[in-house]
Amino acid sequence: MKRRILVVEDEEALAESVRYHLEREGYLVETATDGATAVDLERASMPDLVLLDVMLPTMHGFDVLRAIRAQSSVPVIIVTARDAEADVVAGLELGADDYVTKPFSMRELLSRVGANLRRLEVQLGAGLAEDDVLEIGQVRLDIGRHELAVDGEPVPLRPKEFALLEALMRRNGHLATRGDLISDVWGYDYFGDTKTLDVHIKRLRSKIERDPKAPEYIETVRGIGYKFSRGPT
């Protein structure tokens, strides 16, 4: 089945170039040149991935991302200016899964798109095939149902947050290096920097920790990675 991609980009020449290269790879592509149209198209066509420029007319890219995340967990790759590190962090905190910076090579873009779609397929396959439950302290992760409960209360997770928590909990007290986690969650061929991992760890802590600034579950092993401890007793 061909994967459907929504490209949101107000530079029409760039949008058409991206469309051309994605279609050559076998994807079905729709384009939007403003934010409001992007929200409507995402809801109508239910794409498998959204490539989202941050600077858009009618509606800022972050507002588009908020609108998407209000009703969908579709993978979103944001596109930012090369010197806009604050945009990268803000986008990831709002729920983006990955990012590319302008100007980008088509090779890099296609690699990011492919890696995110492969990860999505792995997550969907795991959800069908596995029915085990991971339970550490007051955190209970049901793999088959794709559900998290903390202190008995359901907690919603986005797909990559779920995959990251699963990767940590499966190691149960053992160190997970940054490389381990990036490979598990974003794929072995991911070649971006590690801001993405740090932002997802921050989001996970906000959802499972009593005090995210003094985490009891997700421990930082400085300079190496993270470890999921048994948490409060």
C-alpha atoms as a PDB file:
ATOM      1  CA  MET A   1       0.000   0.000   0.000  1.00  0.00           C
ATOM      2  CA  LYS A   2       1.391   3.386  -0.971  1.00  0.00           C
ATOM      3  CA  ARG A   3       1.964   5.779   1.898  1.00  0.00           C
ATOM      4  CA  ARG A   4       0.292   9.186   1.683  1.00  0.00           C
ATOM      5  CA  ILE A   5       2.275  12.323   2.555  1.00  0.00           C
ATOM      6  CA  LEU A   6       0.997  15.859   3.083  1.00  0.00           C
ATOM      7  CA  VAL A   7       3.576  18.534   2.196  1.00  0.00           C
ATOM      8  CA  VAL A   8       2.850  21.933   3.742  1.00  0.00           C
ATOM      9  CA  GLU A   9       5.100  24.554   2.157  1.00  0.00           C
ATOM     10  CA  ASP A  10       4.322  28.081   0.955  1.00  0.00           C
ATOM     11  CA  GLU A  11       7.252  28.268  -1.486  1.00  0.00           C
ATOM     12  CA  GLU A  12       5.501  26.712  -4.475  1.00  0.00           C
ATOM     13  CA  ALA A  13       8.697  25.851  -6.362  1.00  0.00           C
ATOM     14  CA  LEU A  14      10.074  24.019  -3.335  1.00  0.00           C
ATOM     15  CA  ALA A  15       6.753  22.295  -2.697  1.00  0.00           C
ATOM     16  CA  GLU A  16       6.655  21.007  -6.270  1.00  0.00           C
ATOM     17  CA  SER A  17      10.271  19.850  -6.075  1.00  0.00           C
ATOM     18  CA  VAL A  18       9.552  17.943  -2.861  1.00  0.00           C
ATOM     19  CA  ARG A  19       6.413  16.471  -4.404  1.00  0.00           C
ATOM     20  CA  TYR A  20       8.364  15.315  -7.469  1.00  0.00           C
ATOM     21  CA  HIS A  21      11.057  13.548  -5.433  1.00  0.00           C
ATOM     22  CA  LEU A  22       8.571  11.931  -3.051  1.00  0.00           C
ATOM     23  CA  GLU A  23       6.424  10.677  -5.925  1.00  0.00           C
ATOM     24  CA  ARG A  24       9.538   9.208  -7.561  1.00  0.00           C
ATOM     25  CA  GLU A  25       9.975   7.192  -4.355  1.00  0.00           C
ATOM     26  CA  GLY A  26       6.456   5.838  -4.734  1.00  0.00           C
ATOM     27  CA  TYR A  27       4.565   8.012  -2.246  1.00  0.00           C
ATOM     28  CA  LEU A  28       1.176   9.613  -2.824  1.00  0.00           C
ATOM     29  CA  VAL A  29       1.588  13.344  -2.216  1.00  0.00           C
ATOM     30  CA  GLU A  30      -0.764  16.233  -1.509  1.00  0.00           C
ATOM     31  CA  THR A  31       0.413  19.809  -1.007  1.00  0.00           C
ATOM     32  CA  ALA A  32      -0.874  22.830   0.893  1.00  0.00           C
ATOM     33  CA  THR A  33       0.599  26.332   0.667  1.00  0.00           C
ATOM     34  CA  ASP A  34      -1.029  27.839   3.770  1.00  0.00           C
ATOM     35  CA  GLY A  35      -1.820  26.710   7.284  1.00  0.00           C
ATOM     36  CA  ALA A  36      -5.607  26.706   7.174  1.00  0.00           C
ATOM     37  CA  THR A  37      -5.666  24.560   4.030  1.00  0.00           C
ATOM     38  CA  ALA A  38      -3.162  22.204   5.636  1.00  0.00           C
ATOM     39  CA  VAL A  39      -5.423  21.573   8.638  1.00  0.00           C
ATOM     40  CA  ASP A  40      -8.403  20.881   6.382  1.00  0.00           C
ATOM     41  CA  LEU A  41      -6.407  18.547   4.129  1.00  0.00           C
ATOM     42  CA  GLU A  42      -4.914  16.624   7.040  1.00  0.00           C
ATOM     43  CA  ARG A  43      -8.368  15.952   8.468  1.00  0.00           C
ATOM     44  CA  ALA A  44      -9.861  15.029   5.097  1.00  0.00           C
ATOM     45  CA  SER A  45      -7.108  12.833   3.657  1.00  0.00           C
ATOM     46  CA  MET A  46      -5.617  11.311   6.848  1.00  0.00           C
ATOM     47  CA  PRO A  47      -2.004  11.169   5.572  1.00  0.00           C
ATOM     48  CA  ASP A  48       0.595   8.766   6.940  1.00  0.00           C
ATOM     49  CA  LEU A  49       3.092  11.609   7.451  1.00  0.00           C
ATOM     50  CA  VAL A  50       3.046  15.426   7.378  1.00  0.00           C
ATOM     51  CA  LEU A  51       6.013  17.528   6.255  1.00  0.00           C
ATOM     52  CA  LEU A  52       5.286  20.915   7.824  1.00  0.00           C
ATOM     53  CA  ASP A  53       7.016  24.237   7.209  1.00  0.00           C
ATOM     54  CA  VAL A  54       7.013  26.495  10.274  1.00  0.00           C
ATOM     55  CA  MET A  55       6.580  29.864   8.537  1.00  0.00           C
ATOM     56  CA  LEU A  56       3.219  29.824   6.719  1.00  0.00           C
ATOM     57  CA  PRO A  57       0.566  32.339   5.650  1.00  0.00           C
ATOM     58  CA  THR A  58      -2.910  32.433   7.290  1.00  0.00           C
ATOM     59  CA  MET A  59      -1.828  30.195  10.160  1.00  0.00           C
ATOM     60  CA  HIS A  60       1.585  29.656  11.761  1.00  0.00           C
ATOM     61  CA  GLY A  61       3.088  26.199  11.425  1.00  0.00           C
ATOM     62  CA  PHE A  62       2.998  25.683  15.190  1.00  0.00           C
ATOM     63  CA  ASP A  63      -0.738  26.413  15.225  1.00  0.00           C
ATOM     64  CA  VAL A  64      -1.164  23.860  12.439  1.00  0.00           C
ATOM     65  CA  LEU A  65       0.801  21.371  14.552  1.00  0.00           C
ATOM     66  CA  ARG A  66      -1.408  22.059  17.573  1.00  0.00           C
ATOM     67  CA  ALA A  67      -4.514  21.503  15.457  1.00  0.00           C
ATOM     68  CA  ILE A  68      -3.144  18.217  14.118  1.00  0.00           C
ATOM     69  CA  ARG A  69      -2.113  16.981  17.537  1.00  0.00           C
ATOM     70  CA  ALA A  70      -5.564  17.764  18.941  1.00  0.00           C
ATOM     71  CA  GLN A  71      -6.969  14.876  16.915  1.00  0.00           C
ATOM     72  CA  SER A  72      -4.138  12.838  15.361  1.00  0.00           C
ATOM     73  CA  SER A  73      -0.832  11.147  16.200  1.00  0.00           C
ATOM     74  CA  VAL A  74       0.361  11.150  12.567  1.00  0.00           C
ATOM     75  CA  PRO A  75       4.160  11.561  12.307  1.00  0.00           C
ATOM     76  CA  VAL A  76       5.055  15.216  11.680  1.00  0.00           C
ATOM     77  CA  ILE A  77       8.424  16.445  10.409  1.00  0.00           C
ATOM     78  CA  ILE A  78       8.818  20.202  10.821  1.00  0.00           C
ATOM     79  CA  VAL A  79      10.901  22.334   8.474  1.00  0.00           C
ATOM     80  CA  THR A  80      12.778  25.275  10.018  1.00  0.00           C
ATOM     81  CA  ALA A  81      15.457  27.793   9.120  1.00  0.00           C
ATOM     82  CA  ARG A  82      18.973  26.566   9.827  1.00  0.00           C
ATOM     83  CA  ASP A  83      19.637  29.109  12.589  1.00  0.00           C
ATOM     84  CA  ALA A  84      16.252  28.717  14.311  1.00  0.00           C
ATOM     85  CA  GLU A  85      17.175  26.323  17.113  1.00  0.00           C
ATOM     86  CA  ALA A  86      14.357  27.700  19.280  1.00  0.00           C
ATOM     87  CA  ASP A  87      11.868  26.665  16.573  1.00  0.00           C
ATOM     88  CA  VAL A  88      13.238  23.128  16.600  1.00  0.00           C
ATOM     89  CA  VAL A  89      12.833  22.782  20.357  1.00  0.00           C
ATOM     90  CA  ALA A  90       9.398  24.440  20.359  1.00  0.00           C
ATOM     91  CA  GLY A  91       8.190  22.207  17.525  1.00  0.00           C
ATOM     92  CA  LEU A  92       9.380  19.037  19.224  1.00  0.00           C
ATOM     93  CA  GLU A  93       7.750  20.080  22.493  1.00  0.00           C
ATOM     94  CA  LEU A  94       4.460  20.670  20.658  1.00  0.00           C
ATOM     95  CA  GLY A  95       4.538  17.122  19.343  1.00  0.00           C
ATOM     96  CA  ALA A  96       6.623  17.046  16.169  1.00  0.00           C
ATOM     97  CA  ASP A  97       8.466  13.770  15.655  1.00  0.00           C
ATOM     98  CA  ASP A  98      11.460  15.048  13.716  1.00  0.00           C
ATOM     99  CA  TYR A  99      12.783  18.094  11.856  1.00  0.00           C
ATOM    100  CA  VAL A 100      14.842  19.196   8.876  1.00  0.00           C
ATOM    101  CA  THR A 101      16.469  22.581   8.429  1.00  0.00           C
ATOM    102  CA  LYS A 102      16.496  24.729   5.293  1.00  0.00           C
ATOM    103  CA  PRO A 103      18.301  24.508   2.996  1.00  0.00           C
ATOM    104  CA  PHE A 104      18.142  20.711   2.978  1.00  0.00           C
ATOM    105  CA  SER A 105      19.216  18.123   0.443  1.00  0.00           C
ATOM    106  CA  MET A 106      16.538  15.894  -1.050  1.00  0.00           C
ATOM    107  CA  ARG A 107      18.607  12.903   0.049  1.00  0.00           C
ATOM    108  CA  GLU A 108      18.365  14.032   3.664  1.00  0.00           C
ATOM    109  CA  LEU A 109      14.657  14.735   3.380  1.00  0.00           C
ATOM    110  CA  LEU A 110      13.871  11.359   1.803  1.00  0.00           C
ATOM    111  CA  SER A 111      15.931   9.620   4.475  1.00  0.00           C
ATOM    112  CA  ARG A 112      14.009  11.357   7.275  1.00  0.00           C
ATOM    113  CA  VAL A 113      10.660  10.566   5.656  1.00  0.00           C
ATOM    114  CA  GLY A 114      11.609   6.925   5.140  1.00  0.00           C
ATOM    115  CA  ALA A 115      12.938   6.486   8.665  1.00  0.00           C
ATOM    116  CA  ASN A 116       9.772   7.910  10.248  1.00  0.00           C
ATOM    117  CA  LEU A 117       7.484   5.769   8.092  1.00  0.00           C
ATOM    118  CA  ARG A 118       9.496   2.615   8.822  1.00  0.00           C
ATOM    119  CA  ARG A 119       9.259   3.325  12.521  1.00  0.00           C
ATOM    120  CA  LEU A 120       5.506   3.777  12.178  1.00  0.00           C
ATOM    121  CA  GLU A 121       5.210   0.390  10.465  1.00  0.00           C
ATOM    122  CA  VAL A 122       7.224  -1.276  13.219  1.00  0.00           C
ATOM    123  CA  GLN A 123       5.005   0.287  15.891  1.00  0.00           C
ATOM    124  CA  LEU A 124       1.827  -0.795  14.125  1.00  0.00           C
ATOM    125  CA  GLY A 125       3.145  -4.319  13.662  1.00  0.00           C
ATOM    126  CA  ALA A 126       4.236  -4.549  17.291  1.00  0.00           C
ATOM    127  CA  GLY A 127       0.824  -3.413  18.445  1.00  0.00           C
ATOM    128  CA  LEU A 128      -0.792  -6.301  16.569  1.00  0.00           C
ATOM    129  CA  ALA A 129       1.735  -8.948  17.485  1.00  0.00           C
ATOM    130  CA  GLU A 130       2.541  -8.314  21.124  1.00  0.00           C
ATOM    131  CA  ASP A 131       0.263  -8.592  24.109  1.00  0.00           C
ATOM    132  CA  ASP A 132       2.753  -8.283  26.977  1.00  0.00           C
ATOM    133  CA  VAL A 133       2.529  -5.763  29.783  1.00  0.00           C
ATOM    134  CA  LEU A 134       5.466  -3.931  31.359  1.00  0.00           C
ATOM    135  CA  GLU A 135       4.937  -2.829  34.948  1.00  0.00           C
ATOM    136  CA  ILE A 136       7.534  -1.033  37.048  1.00  0.00           C
ATOM    137  CA  GLY A 137       6.547   0.800  40.204  1.00  0.00           C
ATOM    138  CA  GLN A 138       3.290   2.600  39.500  1.00  0.00           C
ATOM    139  CA  VAL A 139       3.880   2.685  35.730  1.00  0.00           C
ATOM    140  CA  ARG A 140       1.993   0.068  33.696  1.00  0.00           C
ATOM    141  CA  LEU A 141       2.555  -0.113  29.931  1.00  0.00           C
ATOM    142  CA  ASP A 142       0.248  -2.429  27.993  1.00  0.00           C
ATOM    143  CA  ILE A 143       2.020  -3.105  24.697  1.00  0.00           C
ATOM    144  CA  GLY A 144      -0.820  -4.918  22.950  1.00  0.00           C
ATOM    145  CA  ARG A 145      -3.429  -2.298  23.844  1.00  0.00           C
ATOM    146  CA  HIS A 146      -0.970   0.575  23.410  1.00  0.00           C
ATOM    147  CA  GLU A 147      -2.033   2.016  26.778  1.00  0.00           C
ATOM    148  CA  LEU A 148      -0.205   3.606  29.691  1.00  0.00           C
ATOM    149  CA  ALA A 149      -1.475   3.898  33.246  1.00  0.00           C
ATOM    150  CA  VAL A 150       0.303   5.736  36.075  1.00  0.00           C
ATOM    151  CA  ASP A 151      -1.023   5.213  39.600  1.00  0.00           C
ATOM    152  CA  GLY A 152      -3.966   3.444  37.962  1.00  0.00           C
ATOM    153  CA  GLU A 153      -4.902   6.453  35.840  1.00  0.00           C
ATOM    154  CA  PRO A 154      -4.731   6.358  32.010  1.00  0.00           C
ATOM    155  CA  VAL A 155      -2.147   8.660  30.447  1.00  0.00           C
ATOM    156  CA  PRO A 156      -2.219   9.408  26.698  1.00  0.00           C
ATOM    157  CA  LEU A 157       1.019   8.969  24.776  1.00  0.00           C
ATOM    158  CA  ARG A 158       2.013   9.834  21.238  1.00  0.00           C
ATOM    159  CA  PRO A 159       3.551   6.982  19.215  1.00  0.00           C
ATOM    160  CA  LYS A 160       7.182   7.955  19.690  1.00  0.00           C
ATOM    161  CA  GLU A 161       6.648   8.669  23.391  1.00  0.00           C
ATOM    162  CA  PHE A 162       5.184   5.176  23.715  1.00  0.00           C
ATOM    163  CA  ALA A 163       8.093   3.628  21.807  1.00  0.00           C
ATOM    164  CA  LEU A 164      10.631   5.504  23.932  1.00  0.00           C
ATOM    165  CA  LEU A 165       8.991   4.490  27.206  1.00  0.00           C
ATOM    166  CA  GLU A 166       8.831   0.876  26.034  1.00  0.00           C
ATOM    167  CA  ALA A 167      12.537   0.947  25.097  1.00  0.00           C
ATOM    168  CA  LEU A 168      13.423   2.255  28.563  1.00  0.00           C
ATOM    169  CA  MET A 169      11.144  -0.088  30.502  1.00  0.00           C
ATOM    170  CA  ARG A 170      12.263  -3.209  28.628  1.00  0.00           C
ATOM    171  CA  ARG A 171      15.770  -2.571  29.929  1.00  0.00           C
ATOM    172  CA  ASN A 172      14.372  -2.403  33.514  1.00  0.00           C
ATOM    173  CA  GLY A 173      17.111  -0.728  35.507  1.00  0.00           C
ATOM    174  CA  HIS A 174      19.820  -1.163  32.880  1.00  0.00           C
ATOM    175  CA  LEU A 175      21.454   1.725  31.070  1.00  0.00           C
ATOM    176  CA  ALA A 176      20.106   2.714  27.669  1.00  0.00           C
ATOM    177  CA  THR A 177      22.639   4.798  25.785  1.00  0.00           C
ATOM    178  CA  ARG A 178      21.491   7.711  23.673  1.00  0.00           C
ATOM    179  CA  GLY A 179      22.462   5.699  20.607  1.00  0.00           C
ATOM    180  CA  ASP A 180      20.411   2.721  21.785  1.00  0.00           C
ATOM    181  CA  LEU A 181      17.298   4.842  22.237  1.00  0.00           C
ATOM    182  CA  ILE A 182      17.654   6.748  18.979  1.00  0.00           C
ATOM    183  CA  SER A 183      18.090   3.469  17.108  1.00  0.00           C
ATOM    184  CA  ASP A 184      15.113   1.861  18.873  1.00  0.00           C
ATOM    185  CA  VAL A 185      12.739   4.782  18.389  1.00  0.00           C
ATOM    186  CA  TRP A 186      13.903   6.681  15.287  1.00  0.00           C
ATOM    187  CA  GLY A 187      15.698   3.897  13.431  1.00  0.00           C
ATOM    188  CA  TYR A 188      19.297   2.867  12.950  1.00  0.00           C
ATOM    189  CA  ASP A 189      19.681   5.193   9.967  1.00  0.00           C
ATOM    190  CA  TYR A 190      18.608   8.357  11.812  1.00  0.00           C
ATOM    191  CA  PHE A 191      21.335  10.968  11.382  1.00  0.00           C
ATOM    192  CA  GLY A 192      19.904  14.078  13.067  1.00  0.00           C
ATOM    193  CA  ASP A 193      21.233  15.442  16.339  1.00  0.00           C
ATOM    194  CA  THR A 194      19.918  14.294  19.712  1.00  0.00           C
ATOM    195  CA  LYS A 195      17.704  17.267  20.619  1.00  0.00           C
ATOM    196  CA  THR A 196      14.772  15.136  19.526  1.00  0.00           C
ATOM    197  CA  LEU A 197      15.548  12.500  22.156  1.00  0.00           C
ATOM    198  CA  ASP A 198      15.992  15.087  24.910  1.00  0.00           C
ATOM    199  CA  VAL A 199      12.664  16.754  24.148  1.00  0.00           C
ATOM    200  CA  HIS A 200      10.827  13.403  24.136  1.00  0.00           C
ATOM    201  CA  ILE A 201      12.413  12.473  27.477  1.00  0.00           C
ATOM    202  CA  LYS A 202      11.218  15.810  28.867  1.00  0.00           C
ATOM    203  CA  ARG A 203       7.678  15.123  27.621  1.00  0.00           C
ATOM    204  CA  LEU A 204       7.677  11.616  29.093  1.00  0.00           C
ATOM    205  CA  ARG A 205       8.794  12.925  32.466  1.00  0.00           C
ATOM    206  CA  SER A 206       5.981  15.485  32.432  1.00  0.00           C
ATOM    207  CA  LYS A 207       3.509  12.619  32.022  1.00  0.00           C
ATOM    208  CA  ILE A 208       4.792   9.961  34.430  1.00  0.00           C
ATOM    209  CA  GLU A 209       6.775  11.768  37.131  1.00  0.00           C
ATOM    210  CA  ARG A 210       5.265  13.320  40.239  1.00  0.00           C
ATOM    211  CA  ASP A 211       7.896  16.058  39.920  1.00  0.00           C
ATOM    212  CA  PRO A 212       9.498  16.135  36.450  1.00  0.00           C
ATOM    213  CA  LYS A 213      12.342  18.285  37.799  1.00  0.00           C
ATOM    214  CA  ALA A 214      13.217  15.563  40.324  1.00  0.00           C
ATOM    215  CA  PRO A 215      12.495  12.392  38.334  1.00  0.00           C
ATOM    216  CA  GLU A 216      12.039   9.117  40.196  1.00  0.00           C
ATOM    217  CA  TYR A 217      11.624   6.885  37.157  1.00  0.00           C
ATOM    218  CA  ILE A 218      13.690   8.203  34.243  1.00  0.00           C
ATOM    219  CA  GLU A 219      17.216   8.738  35.503  1.00  0.00           C
ATOM    220  CA  THR A 220      19.803  10.662  33.490  1.00  0.00           C
ATOM    221  CA  VAL A 221      23.209   9.006  33.249  1.00  0.00           C
ATOM    222  CA  ARG A 222      25.201  12.092  32.429  1.00  0.00           C
ATOM    223  CA  GLY A 223      26.965  12.036  29.091  1.00  0.00           C
ATOM    224  CA  ILE A 224      25.812   8.493  28.293  1.00  0.00           C
ATOM    225  CA  GLY A 225      22.041   8.038  28.293  1.00  0.00           C
ATOM    226  CA  TYR A 226      19.091   7.177  30.526  1.00  0.00           C
ATOM    227  CA  LYS A 227      17.901   4.442  32.851  1.00  0.00           C
ATOM    228  CA  PHE A 228      14.385   3.555  33.971  1.00  0.00           C
ATOM    229  CA  SER A 229      14.508   2.847  37.698  1.00  0.00           C
ATOM    230  CA  ARG A 230      11.921   1.185  39.915  1.00  0.00           C
ATOM    231  CA  GLY A 231      10.694   4.599  40.970  1.00  0.00           C
ATOM    232  CA  PRO A 232       8.965   5.462  44.274  1.00  0.00           C
ATOM    233  CA  THR A 233       8.022   2.674  46.633  1.00  0.00           C
END
